[in-house]
Amino acid sequence: MASYDIAVGLPLGVDPEPYARAGATWWLPELEPGVRLDTVRGLLRDGPAA
């Protein structure tokens, strides 16, 4: 069986766990235009705020 990734784009604040249980292997945050680069890096490094 071939291996592949499933990507899901979610708005910030949406829990990605149900999508992960369904097989999503990537979480792609949908950020609004103008978000600061350090904010994006922190989000990708640390995940969404709990």
PDB file of N, CA and C in Angstrom:
ATOM      1  N   MET A   1       0.840  -1.179   0.000  1.00  0.00           N
ATOM      2  CA  MET A   1       0.000   0.000   0.000  1.00  0.00           C
ATOM      3  C   MET A   1       0.885   1.241   0.000  1.00  0.00           C
ATOM      4  N   ALA A   2       0.583   2.179  -0.866  1.00  0.00           N
ATOM      5  CA  ALA A   2       1.364   3.414  -0.969  1.00  0.00           C
ATOM      6  C   ALA A   2       1.117   4.310   0.238  1.00  0.00           C
ATOM      7  N   SER A   3       2.141   5.029   0.648  1.00  0.00           N
ATOM      8  CA  SER A   3       2.037   5.983   1.736  1.00  0.00           C
ATOM      9  C   SER A   3       1.772   7.369   1.160  1.00  0.00           C
ATOM     10  N   TYR A   4       0.913   8.133   1.795  1.00  0.00           N
ATOM     11  CA  TYR A   4       0.640   9.483   1.342  1.00  0.00           C
ATOM     12  C   TYR A   4       0.171  10.316   2.521  1.00  0.00           C
ATOM     13  N   ASP A   5       0.238  11.622   2.367  1.00  0.00           N
ATOM     14  CA  ASP A   5      -0.194  12.553   3.403  1.00  0.00           C
ATOM     15  C   ASP A   5      -1.556  13.119   3.028  1.00  0.00           C
ATOM     16  N   ILE A   6      -2.331  13.442   4.045  1.00  0.00           N
ATOM     17  CA  ILE A   6      -3.605  14.114   3.866  1.00  0.00           C
ATOM     18  C   ILE A   6      -3.493  15.454   4.564  1.00  0.00           C
ATOM     19  N   ALA A   7      -3.669  16.547   3.840  1.00  0.00           N
ATOM     20  CA  ALA A   7      -3.573  17.883   4.406  1.00  0.00           C
ATOM     21  C   ALA A   7      -4.966  18.468   4.593  1.00  0.00           C
ATOM     22  N   VAL A   8      -5.151  19.164   5.709  1.00  0.00           N
ATOM     23  CA  VAL A   8      -6.425  19.799   6.015  1.00  0.00           C
ATOM     24  C   VAL A   8      -6.141  21.245   6.391  1.00  0.00           C
ATOM     25  N   GLY A   9      -6.778  22.198   5.717  1.00  0.00           N
ATOM     26  CA  GLY A   9      -6.669  23.611   6.066  1.00  0.00           C
ATOM     27  C   GLY A   9      -7.755  23.965   7.060  1.00  0.00           C
ATOM     28  N   LEU A  10      -7.376  24.471   8.216  1.00  0.00           N
ATOM     29  CA  LEU A  10      -8.346  24.810   9.259  1.00  0.00           C
ATOM     30  C   LEU A  10      -8.133  26.237   9.741  1.00  0.00           C
ATOM     31  N   PRO A  11      -9.219  26.962   9.997  1.00  0.00           N
ATOM     32  CA  PRO A  11      -9.066  28.286  10.619  1.00  0.00           C
ATOM     33  C   PRO A  11      -8.470  28.136  12.017  1.00  0.00           C
ATOM     34  N   LEU A  12      -7.790  29.168  12.490  1.00  0.00           N
ATOM     35  CA  LEU A  12      -7.247  29.143  13.843  1.00  0.00           C
ATOM     36  C   LEU A  12      -8.392  28.947  14.833  1.00  0.00           C
ATOM     37  N   GLY A  13      -8.135  28.208  15.873  1.00  0.00           N
ATOM     38  CA  GLY A  13      -9.137  27.980  16.900  1.00  0.00           C
ATOM     39  C   GLY A  13      -9.960  26.724  16.685  1.00  0.00           C
ATOM     40  N   VAL A  14      -9.839  26.087  15.518  1.00  0.00           N
ATOM     41  CA  VAL A  14     -10.560  24.843  15.257  1.00  0.00           C
ATOM     42  C   VAL A  14      -9.682  23.686  15.713  1.00  0.00           C
ATOM     43  N   ASP A  15     -10.257  22.777  16.472  1.00  0.00           N
ATOM     44  CA  ASP A  15      -9.518  21.631  16.995  1.00  0.00           C
ATOM     45  C   ASP A  15      -9.168  20.665  15.859  1.00  0.00           C
ATOM     46  N   PRO A  16      -7.881  20.416  15.579  1.00  0.00           N
ATOM     47  CA  PRO A  16      -7.512  19.507  14.498  1.00  0.00           C
ATOM     48  C   PRO A  16      -7.627  18.027  14.867  1.00  0.00           C
ATOM     49  N   GLU A  17      -7.875  17.714  16.144  1.00  0.00           N
ATOM     50  CA  GLU A  17      -7.893  16.318  16.592  1.00  0.00           C
ATOM     51  C   GLU A  17      -8.891  15.434  15.832  1.00  0.00           C
ATOM     52  N   PRO A  18     -10.142  15.854  15.600  1.00  0.00           N
ATOM     53  CA  PRO A  18     -11.057  14.985  14.852  1.00  0.00           C
ATOM     54  C   PRO A  18     -10.542  14.674  13.443  1.00  0.00           C
ATOM     55  N   TYR A  19      -9.864  15.624  12.846  1.00  0.00           N
ATOM     56  CA  TYR A  19      -9.313  15.416  11.502  1.00  0.00           C
ATOM     57  C   TYR A  19      -8.133  14.453  11.553  1.00  0.00           C
ATOM     58  N   ALA A  20      -7.322  14.569  12.604  1.00  0.00           N
ATOM     59  CA  ALA A  20      -6.198  13.642  12.775  1.00  0.00           C
ATOM     60  C   ALA A  20      -6.710  12.216  12.980  1.00  0.00           C
ATOM     61  N   ARG A  21      -7.767  12.055  13.762  1.00  0.00           N
ATOM     62  CA  ARG A  21      -8.338  10.719  13.971  1.00  0.00           C
ATOM     63  C   ARG A  21      -8.882  10.143  12.666  1.00  0.00           C
ATOM     64  N   ALA A  22      -9.325  11.029  11.770  1.00  0.00           N
ATOM     65  CA  ALA A  22      -9.866  10.576  10.484  1.00  0.00           C
ATOM     66  C   ALA A  22      -8.768  10.311   9.465  1.00  0.00           C
ATOM     67  N   GLY A  23      -7.503  10.613   9.819  1.00  0.00           N
ATOM     68  CA  GLY A  23      -6.395  10.294   8.932  1.00  0.00           C
ATOM     69  C   GLY A  23      -5.580  11.465   8.429  1.00  0.00           C
ATOM     70  N   ALA A  24      -5.962  12.684   8.786  1.00  0.00           N
ATOM     71  CA  ALA A  24      -5.174  13.840   8.353  1.00  0.00           C
ATOM     72  C   ALA A  24      -3.793  13.773   9.001  1.00  0.00           C
ATOM     73  N   THR A  25      -2.761  13.983   8.224  1.00  0.00           N
ATOM     74  CA  THR A  25      -1.398  13.921   8.728  1.00  0.00           C
ATOM     75  C   THR A  25      -0.717  15.281   8.753  1.00  0.00           C
ATOM     76  N   TRP A  26      -1.376  16.308   8.223  1.00  0.00           N
ATOM     77  CA  TRP A  26      -0.843  17.666   8.221  1.00  0.00           C
ATOM     78  C   TRP A  26      -1.946  18.624   8.634  1.00  0.00           C
ATOM     79  N   TRP A  27      -1.570  19.609   9.438  1.00  0.00           N
ATOM     80  CA  TRP A  27      -2.482  20.671   9.801  1.00  0.00           C
ATOM     81  C   TRP A  27      -1.946  21.944   9.160  1.00  0.00           C
ATOM     82  N   LEU A  28      -2.747  22.591   8.331  1.00  0.00           N
ATOM     83  CA  LEU A  28      -2.336  23.810   7.641  1.00  0.00           C
ATOM     84  C   LEU A  28      -3.164  24.966   8.169  1.00  0.00           C
ATOM     85  N   PRO A  29      -2.598  25.798   9.030  1.00  0.00           N
ATOM     86  CA  PRO A  29      -3.390  26.908   9.563  1.00  0.00           C
ATOM     87  C   PRO A  29      -3.693  27.933   8.483  1.00  0.00           C
ATOM     88  N   GLU A  30      -4.927  28.380   8.429  1.00  0.00           N
ATOM     89  CA  GLU A  30      -5.312  29.431   7.500  1.00  0.00           C
ATOM     90  C   GLU A  30      -5.151  30.755   8.224  1.00  0.00           C
ATOM     91  N   LEU A  31      -4.146  31.518   7.833  1.00  0.00           N
ATOM     92  CA  LEU A  31      -3.847  32.787   8.484  1.00  0.00           C
ATOM     93  C   LEU A  31      -4.321  33.939   7.617  1.00  0.00           C
ATOM     94  N   GLU A  32      -4.789  34.975   8.265  1.00  0.00           N
ATOM     95  CA  GLU A  32      -5.244  36.151   7.537  1.00  0.00           C
ATOM     96  C   GLU A  32      -4.049  36.915   6.996  1.00  0.00           C
ATOM     97  N   PRO A  33      -4.234  37.643   5.898  1.00  0.00           N
ATOM     98  CA  PRO A  33      -3.142  38.457   5.345  1.00  0.00           C
ATOM     99  C   PRO A  33      -2.623  39.442   6.396  1.00  0.00           C
ATOM    100  N   GLY A  34      -1.342  39.661   6.375  1.00  0.00           N
ATOM    101  CA  GLY A  34      -0.733  40.633   7.273  1.00  0.00           C
ATOM    102  C   GLY A  34      -0.257  40.065   8.597  1.00  0.00           C
ATOM    103  N   VAL A  35      -0.387  38.755   8.798  1.00  0.00           N
ATOM    104  CA  VAL A  35       0.098  38.146  10.043  1.00  0.00           C
ATOM    105  C   VAL A  35       1.619  38.245  10.061  1.00  0.00           C
ATOM    106  N   ARG A  36       2.157  38.629  11.207  1.00  0.00           N
ATOM    107  CA  ARG A  36       3.603  38.796  11.325  1.00  0.00           C
ATOM    108  C   ARG A  36       4.317  37.458  11.200  1.00  0.00           C
ATOM    109  N   LEU A  37       5.487  37.469  10.580  1.00  0.00           N
ATOM    110  CA  LEU A  37       6.262  36.254  10.359  1.00  0.00           C
ATOM    111  C   LEU A  37       6.609  35.549  11.659  1.00  0.00           C
ATOM    112  N   ASP A  38       6.961  36.296  12.703  1.00  0.00           N
ATOM    113  CA  ASP A  38       7.288  35.646  13.973  1.00  0.00           C
ATOM    114  C   ASP A  38       6.071  34.951  14.572  1.00  0.00           C
ATOM    115  N   THR A  39       4.872  35.470  14.328  1.00  0.00           N
ATOM    116  CA  THR A  39       3.652  34.814  14.780  1.00  0.00           C
ATOM    117  C   THR A  39       3.457  33.490  14.051  1.00  0.00           C
ATOM    118  N   VAL A  40       3.681  33.493  12.746  1.00  0.00           N
ATOM    119  CA  VAL A  40       3.549  32.269  11.952  1.00  0.00           C
ATOM    120  C   VAL A  40       4.564  31.238  12.407  1.00  0.00           C
ATOM    121  N   ARG A  41       5.799  31.647  12.598  1.00  0.00           N
ATOM    122  CA  ARG A  41       6.834  30.710  13.039  1.00  0.00           C
ATOM    123  C   ARG A  41       6.506  30.123  14.404  1.00  0.00           C
ATOM    124  N   GLY A  42       6.031  30.961  15.314  1.00  0.00           N
ATOM    125  CA  GLY A  42       5.666  30.477  16.647  1.00  0.00           C
ATOM    126  C   GLY A  42       4.512  29.493  16.585  1.00  0.00           C
ATOM    127  N   LEU A  43       3.535  29.777  15.749  1.00  0.00           N
ATOM    128  CA  LEU A  43       2.390  28.876  15.602  1.00  0.00           C
ATOM    129  C   LEU A  43       2.817  27.531  15.028  1.00  0.00           C
ATOM    130  N   LEU A  44       3.675  27.551  14.024  1.00  0.00           N
ATOM    131  CA  LEU A  44       4.127  26.306  13.426  1.00  0.00           C
ATOM    132  C   LEU A  44       5.042  25.525  14.362  1.00  0.00           C
ATOM    133  N   ARG A  45       5.783  26.244  15.196  1.00  0.00           N
ATOM    134  CA  ARG A  45       6.689  25.593  16.146  1.00  0.00           C
ATOM    135  C   ARG A  45       5.925  25.025  17.345  1.00  0.00           C
ATOM    136  N   ASP A  46       4.998  25.817  17.896  1.00  0.00           N
ATOM    137  CA  ASP A  46       4.356  25.471  19.162  1.00  0.00           C
ATOM    138  C   ASP A  46       2.934  24.949  19.009  1.00  0.00           C
ATOM    139  N   GLY A  47       2.347  25.098  17.842  1.00  0.00           N
ATOM    140  CA  GLY A  47       0.947  24.720  17.664  1.00  0.00           C
ATOM    141  C   GLY A  47       0.026  25.815  18.168  1.00  0.00           C
ATOM    142  N   PRO A  48      -1.271  25.615  18.015  1.00  0.00           N
ATOM    143  CA  PRO A  48      -2.219  26.641  18.456  1.00  0.00           C
ATOM    144  C   PRO A  48      -2.262  26.741  19.972  1.00  0.00           C
ATOM    145  N   ALA A  49      -2.647  27.904  20.457  1.00  0.00           N
ATOM    146  CA  ALA A  49      -2.783  28.091  21.903  1.00  0.00           C
ATOM    147  C   ALA A  49      -3.870  27.183  22.442  1.00  0.00           C
ATOM    148  N   ALA A  50      -3.609  26.599  23.582  1.00  0.00           N
ATOM    149  CA  ALA A  50      -4.597  25.664  24.168  1.00  0.00           C
ATOM    150  C   ALA A  50      -5.710  26.425  24.861  1.00  0.00           C
TER     151      ALA A  50
END
